[in-house]
């Protein structure tokens, strides 16, 4: 049987039991390689994913909370169905006003 020493208590714990305590170092593998939908490069490990994200200025969706994703989904749905908040209507009116003023100045 294999043992490891607990970093908190110093006691020796059998490896199979220590795996259930989750207080040691964990090494995670990476998912299967895939082709990036952004630039067509192959993503095979965490390093290639980090480099890809930095190179293309993107962020993996796993970095966002579910609440954030739900809120953005609702905003998208409102946009495509034509529903707008008061703030969005005001901002759009201001943009249209600025465009009209610009065109009038141009002659």
N, C-alpha and C. Protein backbone atom coordinates (compact mmCIF):
# COMPACT_ATOMS: atom_id res chain seq x y z
N UNK A 1 0.85 -1.18 0.00
CA UNK A 1 0.00 0.00 0.00
C UNK A 1 0.89 1.24 0.00
N UNK A 2 0.44 2.28 -0.71
CA UNK A 2 1.19 3.53 -0.77
C UNK A 2 0.60 4.53 0.22
N UNK A 3 1.48 5.40 0.74
CA UNK A 3 1.07 6.39 1.73
C UNK A 3 1.52 7.77 1.28
N UNK A 4 0.88 8.78 1.82
CA UNK A 4 1.35 10.13 1.62
C UNK A 4 1.14 10.89 2.92
N UNK A 5 1.91 11.96 3.11
CA UNK A 5 1.81 12.73 4.34
C UNK A 5 0.89 13.92 4.12
N UNK A 6 -0.08 14.10 5.02
CA UNK A 6 -1.02 15.22 4.96
C UNK A 6 -0.25 16.50 5.25
N UNK A 7 -0.43 17.52 4.42
CA UNK A 7 0.33 18.75 4.60
C UNK A 7 -0.18 19.57 5.80
N UNK A 8 -1.39 19.31 6.26
CA UNK A 8 -1.96 20.07 7.38
C UNK A 8 -1.65 19.42 8.74
N UNK A 9 -1.84 18.12 8.83
CA UNK A 9 -1.68 17.44 10.12
C UNK A 9 -0.35 16.70 10.25
N UNK A 10 0.28 16.39 9.14
CA UNK A 10 1.53 15.65 9.19
C UNK A 10 1.36 14.15 9.30
N UNK A 11 0.12 13.68 9.45
CA UNK A 11 -0.12 12.25 9.58
C UNK A 11 -0.02 11.57 8.21
N UNK A 12 0.29 10.27 8.23
CA UNK A 12 0.38 9.50 7.00
C UNK A 12 -0.98 8.89 6.69
N UNK A 13 -1.40 9.05 5.43
CA UNK A 13 -2.72 8.60 4.99
C UNK A 13 -2.54 7.68 3.79
N UNK A 14 -3.27 6.56 3.75
CA UNK A 14 -3.21 5.71 2.55
C UNK A 14 -3.65 6.52 1.33
N UNK A 15 -3.02 6.28 0.18
CA UNK A 15 -3.29 7.06 -1.03
C UNK A 15 -4.77 7.02 -1.41
N UNK A 16 -5.42 5.85 -1.36
CA UNK A 16 -6.82 5.77 -1.76
C UNK A 16 -7.71 6.60 -0.84
N UNK A 17 -7.38 6.68 0.46
CA UNK A 17 -8.16 7.47 1.40
C UNK A 17 -7.89 8.97 1.21
N UNK A 18 -6.64 9.32 0.92
CA UNK A 18 -6.29 10.73 0.76
C UNK A 18 -6.94 11.33 -0.48
N UNK A 19 -7.22 10.50 -1.46
CA UNK A 19 -7.87 11.01 -2.68
C UNK A 19 -9.25 11.56 -2.36
N UNK A 20 -9.89 11.02 -1.32
CA UNK A 20 -11.23 11.48 -0.95
C UNK A 20 -11.19 12.76 -0.13
N UNK A 21 -10.05 13.08 0.49
CA UNK A 21 -9.96 14.27 1.33
C UNK A 21 -9.74 15.54 0.52
N UNK A 22 -9.17 15.47 -0.65
CA UNK A 22 -8.94 16.60 -1.55
C UNK A 22 -8.10 17.70 -0.94
N UNK A 23 -7.09 17.35 -0.16
CA UNK A 23 -6.24 18.40 0.40
C UNK A 23 -4.81 18.33 -0.14
N UNK A 24 -4.59 17.56 -1.17
CA UNK A 24 -3.28 17.45 -1.76
C UNK A 24 -3.24 18.07 -3.14
N UNK A 25 -2.16 17.85 -3.83
CA UNK A 25 -1.99 18.37 -5.18
C UNK A 25 -2.76 17.49 -6.15
N UNK A 26 -3.44 18.12 -7.10
CA UNK A 26 -4.18 17.37 -8.12
C UNK A 26 -3.60 17.70 -9.48
N UNK A 27 -3.45 16.71 -10.30
CA UNK A 27 -2.98 16.90 -11.68
C UNK A 27 -4.11 16.48 -12.59
N UNK A 28 -4.54 17.41 -13.40
CA UNK A 28 -5.67 17.16 -14.29
C UNK A 28 -5.18 17.03 -15.73
N UNK A 29 -5.75 16.09 -16.44
CA UNK A 29 -5.45 15.95 -17.84
C UNK A 29 -6.26 16.93 -18.65
N UNK A 30 -6.00 17.02 -19.93
CA UNK A 30 -6.73 17.93 -20.80
C UNK A 30 -7.69 17.11 -21.65
N UNK A 31 -8.71 17.76 -22.12
CA UNK A 31 -9.68 17.08 -22.97
C UNK A 31 -9.05 16.71 -24.31
N UNK A 32 -9.79 16.02 -25.09
CA UNK A 32 -9.35 15.63 -26.41
C UNK A 32 -9.03 16.86 -27.26
N UNK A 33 -8.06 16.77 -28.13
CA UNK A 33 -7.70 17.89 -29.00
C UNK A 33 -8.88 18.27 -29.88
N UNK A 34 -8.97 19.56 -30.20
CA UNK A 34 -10.04 20.03 -31.09
C UNK A 34 -9.55 21.20 -31.92
N UNK A 35 -10.29 21.51 -32.96
CA UNK A 35 -9.95 22.61 -33.86
C UNK A 35 -10.67 23.86 -33.40
N UNK A 36 -9.95 24.94 -33.29
CA UNK A 36 -10.53 26.21 -32.85
C UNK A 36 -11.50 26.74 -33.91
N UNK A 37 -12.71 27.14 -33.49
CA UNK A 37 -13.63 27.74 -34.45
C UNK A 37 -13.22 29.17 -34.81
N UNK A 38 -12.28 29.75 -34.05
CA UNK A 38 -11.86 31.13 -34.28
C UNK A 38 -10.85 31.22 -35.42
N UNK A 39 -9.76 30.42 -35.32
CA UNK A 39 -8.71 30.54 -36.34
C UNK A 39 -8.29 29.20 -36.96
N UNK A 40 -8.93 28.12 -36.58
CA UNK A 40 -8.63 26.82 -37.18
C UNK A 40 -7.42 26.12 -36.61
N UNK A 41 -6.79 26.67 -35.57
CA UNK A 41 -5.62 26.02 -34.98
C UNK A 41 -6.07 24.84 -34.11
N UNK A 42 -5.13 23.94 -33.84
CA UNK A 42 -5.40 22.76 -33.01
C UNK A 42 -5.15 23.12 -31.55
N UNK A 43 -6.14 22.89 -30.70
CA UNK A 43 -6.01 23.10 -29.26
C UNK A 43 -5.85 21.72 -28.63
N UNK A 44 -4.65 21.47 -28.07
CA UNK A 44 -4.39 20.13 -27.54
C UNK A 44 -4.11 20.11 -26.04
N UNK A 45 -3.79 21.26 -25.46
CA UNK A 45 -3.52 21.29 -24.02
C UNK A 45 -3.79 22.70 -23.49
N UNK A 46 -3.64 22.87 -22.19
CA UNK A 46 -3.96 24.15 -21.55
C UNK A 46 -3.06 25.28 -22.08
N UNK A 47 -1.81 24.98 -22.34
CA UNK A 47 -0.89 26.00 -22.84
C UNK A 47 -1.32 26.49 -24.21
N UNK A 48 -1.66 25.56 -25.10
CA UNK A 48 -2.07 25.98 -26.45
C UNK A 48 -3.38 26.75 -26.39
N UNK A 49 -4.27 26.42 -25.43
CA UNK A 49 -5.51 27.18 -25.26
C UNK A 49 -5.23 28.59 -24.79
N UNK A 50 -4.33 28.75 -23.79
CA UNK A 50 -3.96 30.09 -23.31
C UNK A 50 -3.35 30.93 -24.43
N UNK A 51 -2.42 30.34 -25.19
CA UNK A 51 -1.77 31.07 -26.28
C UNK A 51 -2.79 31.46 -27.35
N UNK A 52 -3.69 30.54 -27.69
CA UNK A 52 -4.73 30.80 -28.68
C UNK A 52 -5.61 31.96 -28.23
N UNK A 53 -6.05 31.93 -26.96
CA UNK A 53 -6.91 32.98 -26.45
C UNK A 53 -6.22 34.34 -26.47
N UNK A 54 -4.95 34.37 -26.08
CA UNK A 54 -4.20 35.62 -26.07
C UNK A 54 -3.99 36.14 -27.49
N UNK A 55 -3.63 35.26 -28.41
CA UNK A 55 -3.37 35.63 -29.80
C UNK A 55 -4.63 36.19 -30.48
N UNK A 56 -5.79 35.63 -30.16
CA UNK A 56 -7.02 36.02 -30.83
C UNK A 56 -7.90 36.97 -30.01
N UNK A 57 -7.46 37.29 -28.80
CA UNK A 57 -8.23 38.21 -27.96
C UNK A 57 -9.59 37.65 -27.57
N UNK A 58 -9.62 36.36 -27.26
CA UNK A 58 -10.88 35.71 -26.86
C UNK A 58 -10.73 35.11 -25.47
N UNK A 59 -11.87 34.76 -24.88
CA UNK A 59 -11.90 34.15 -23.55
C UNK A 59 -12.76 32.90 -23.63
N UNK A 60 -12.34 31.83 -22.99
CA UNK A 60 -13.10 30.58 -22.98
C UNK A 60 -14.36 30.76 -22.14
N UNK A 61 -15.47 30.24 -22.57
CA UNK A 61 -16.74 30.42 -21.85
C UNK A 61 -16.71 29.81 -20.45
N UNK A 62 -15.82 28.86 -20.20
CA UNK A 62 -15.72 28.24 -18.88
C UNK A 62 -15.28 29.26 -17.82
N UNK A 63 -14.72 30.40 -18.25
CA UNK A 63 -14.27 31.41 -17.30
C UNK A 63 -15.40 32.31 -16.81
N UNK A 64 -16.60 32.17 -17.36
CA UNK A 64 -17.72 33.00 -16.97
C UNK A 64 -18.68 32.21 -16.09
N UNK A 65 -19.33 32.90 -15.16
CA UNK A 65 -20.31 32.25 -14.29
C UNK A 65 -21.59 31.97 -15.08
N UNK A 66 -22.39 31.05 -14.61
CA UNK A 66 -23.64 30.72 -15.27
C UNK A 66 -24.60 31.90 -15.24
N UNK A 67 -24.58 32.68 -14.15
CA UNK A 67 -25.45 33.85 -14.05
C UNK A 67 -25.11 34.87 -15.13
N UNK A 68 -23.82 35.09 -15.36
CA UNK A 68 -23.39 36.03 -16.40
C UNK A 68 -23.86 35.56 -17.76
N UNK A 69 -23.68 34.27 -18.05
CA UNK A 69 -24.09 33.73 -19.35
C UNK A 69 -25.60 33.83 -19.54
N UNK A 70 -26.37 33.57 -18.48
CA UNK A 70 -27.83 33.68 -18.56
C UNK A 70 -28.26 35.12 -18.83
N UNK A 71 -27.61 36.07 -18.14
CA UNK A 71 -27.95 37.48 -18.33
C UNK A 71 -27.65 37.93 -19.76
N UNK A 72 -26.52 37.53 -20.31
CA UNK A 72 -26.16 37.90 -21.68
C UNK A 72 -27.11 37.24 -22.68
N UNK A 73 -27.53 36.00 -22.41
CA UNK A 73 -28.48 35.32 -23.30
C UNK A 73 -29.80 36.09 -23.35
N UNK A 74 -30.27 36.54 -22.18
CA UNK A 74 -31.51 37.32 -22.13
C UNK A 74 -31.36 38.64 -22.88
N UNK A 75 -30.21 39.30 -22.74
CA UNK A 75 -29.98 40.55 -23.47
C UNK A 75 -30.01 40.31 -24.98
N UNK A 76 -29.40 39.21 -25.43
CA UNK A 76 -29.40 38.87 -26.87
C UNK A 76 -30.81 38.63 -27.36
N UNK A 77 -31.60 37.88 -26.59
CA UNK A 77 -32.97 37.58 -26.98
C UNK A 77 -33.79 38.86 -27.08
N UNK A 78 -33.62 39.77 -26.11
CA UNK A 78 -34.33 41.06 -26.16
C UNK A 78 -33.94 41.85 -27.41
N UNK A 79 -32.67 41.83 -27.73
CA UNK A 79 -32.18 42.57 -28.89
C UNK A 79 -32.82 42.04 -30.18
N UNK A 80 -32.87 40.72 -30.33
CA UNK A 80 -33.39 40.13 -31.56
C UNK A 80 -34.92 40.18 -31.65
N UNK A 81 -35.61 40.30 -30.52
CA UNK A 81 -37.07 40.40 -30.56
C UNK A 81 -37.54 41.84 -30.60
N UNK A 82 -36.61 42.79 -30.47
CA UNK A 82 -36.99 44.20 -30.55
C UNK A 82 -37.36 44.82 -29.23
N UNK A 83 -37.28 44.08 -28.13
CA UNK A 83 -37.57 44.64 -26.81
C UNK A 83 -36.33 45.39 -26.33
N UNK A 84 -36.54 46.60 -25.82
CA UNK A 84 -35.40 47.39 -25.34
C UNK A 84 -35.74 48.02 -24.00
N UNK A 85 -34.73 48.19 -23.17
CA UNK A 85 -34.91 48.86 -21.89
C UNK A 85 -34.94 50.37 -22.12
N UNK A 86 -35.35 51.13 -21.11
CA UNK A 86 -35.39 52.58 -21.22
C UNK A 86 -34.00 53.14 -21.52
N UNK A 87 -32.98 52.58 -20.89
CA UNK A 87 -31.61 53.04 -21.10
C UNK A 87 -31.17 52.81 -22.54
N UNK A 88 -31.53 51.65 -23.10
CA UNK A 88 -31.16 51.35 -24.48
C UNK A 88 -31.87 52.30 -25.44
N UNK A 89 -33.14 52.59 -25.19
CA UNK A 89 -33.89 53.52 -26.04
C UNK A 89 -33.29 54.92 -25.97
N UNK A 90 -32.93 55.36 -24.77
CA UNK A 90 -32.32 56.67 -24.60
C UNK A 90 -30.98 56.74 -25.33
N UNK A 91 -30.14 55.73 -25.17
CA UNK A 91 -28.84 55.69 -25.83
C UNK A 91 -29.00 55.71 -27.35
N UNK A 92 -29.95 54.95 -27.86
CA UNK A 92 -30.19 54.92 -29.32
C UNK A 92 -30.67 56.29 -29.80
N UNK A 93 -31.54 56.95 -29.04
CA UNK A 93 -32.00 58.29 -29.40
C UNK A 93 -30.87 59.29 -29.44
N UNK A 94 -29.95 59.19 -28.47
CA UNK A 94 -28.79 60.07 -28.44
C UNK A 94 -27.89 59.83 -29.65
N UNK A 95 -27.71 58.57 -30.00
CA UNK A 95 -26.88 58.25 -31.17
C UNK A 95 -27.50 58.82 -32.44
N UNK A 96 -28.81 58.67 -32.60
CA UNK A 96 -29.48 59.21 -33.78
C UNK A 96 -29.37 60.73 -33.82
N UNK A 97 -29.53 61.37 -32.67
CA UNK A 97 -29.41 62.82 -32.58
C UNK A 97 -28.02 63.28 -32.99
N UNK A 98 -26.98 62.60 -32.54
CA UNK A 98 -25.60 62.94 -32.91
C UNK A 98 -25.38 62.77 -34.41
N UNK A 99 -25.92 61.73 -35.00
CA UNK A 99 -25.78 61.50 -36.44
C UNK A 99 -26.46 62.62 -37.22
N UNK A 100 -27.67 63.00 -36.80
CA UNK A 100 -28.40 64.07 -37.49
C UNK A 100 -27.62 65.39 -37.38
N UNK A 101 -27.11 65.71 -36.20
CA UNK A 101 -26.31 66.93 -36.03
C UNK A 101 -25.07 66.92 -36.90
N UNK A 102 -24.41 65.79 -36.99
CA UNK A 102 -23.20 65.67 -37.82
C UNK A 102 -23.54 65.92 -39.29
N UNK A 103 -24.64 65.31 -39.76
CA UNK A 103 -25.03 65.48 -41.16
C UNK A 103 -25.42 66.92 -41.46
N UNK A 104 -26.09 67.58 -40.51
CA UNK A 104 -26.49 68.98 -40.71
C UNK A 104 -25.26 69.89 -40.79
N UNK A 105 -24.25 69.61 -39.98
CA UNK A 105 -23.01 70.41 -40.02
C UNK A 105 -22.27 70.24 -41.34
N UNK A 106 -22.37 69.04 -41.92
CA UNK A 106 -21.68 68.78 -43.18
C UNK A 106 -22.36 69.50 -44.33
N UNK A 107 -23.60 69.80 -44.16
CA UNK A 107 -24.26 70.61 -45.19
C UNK A 107 -25.21 69.86 -45.98
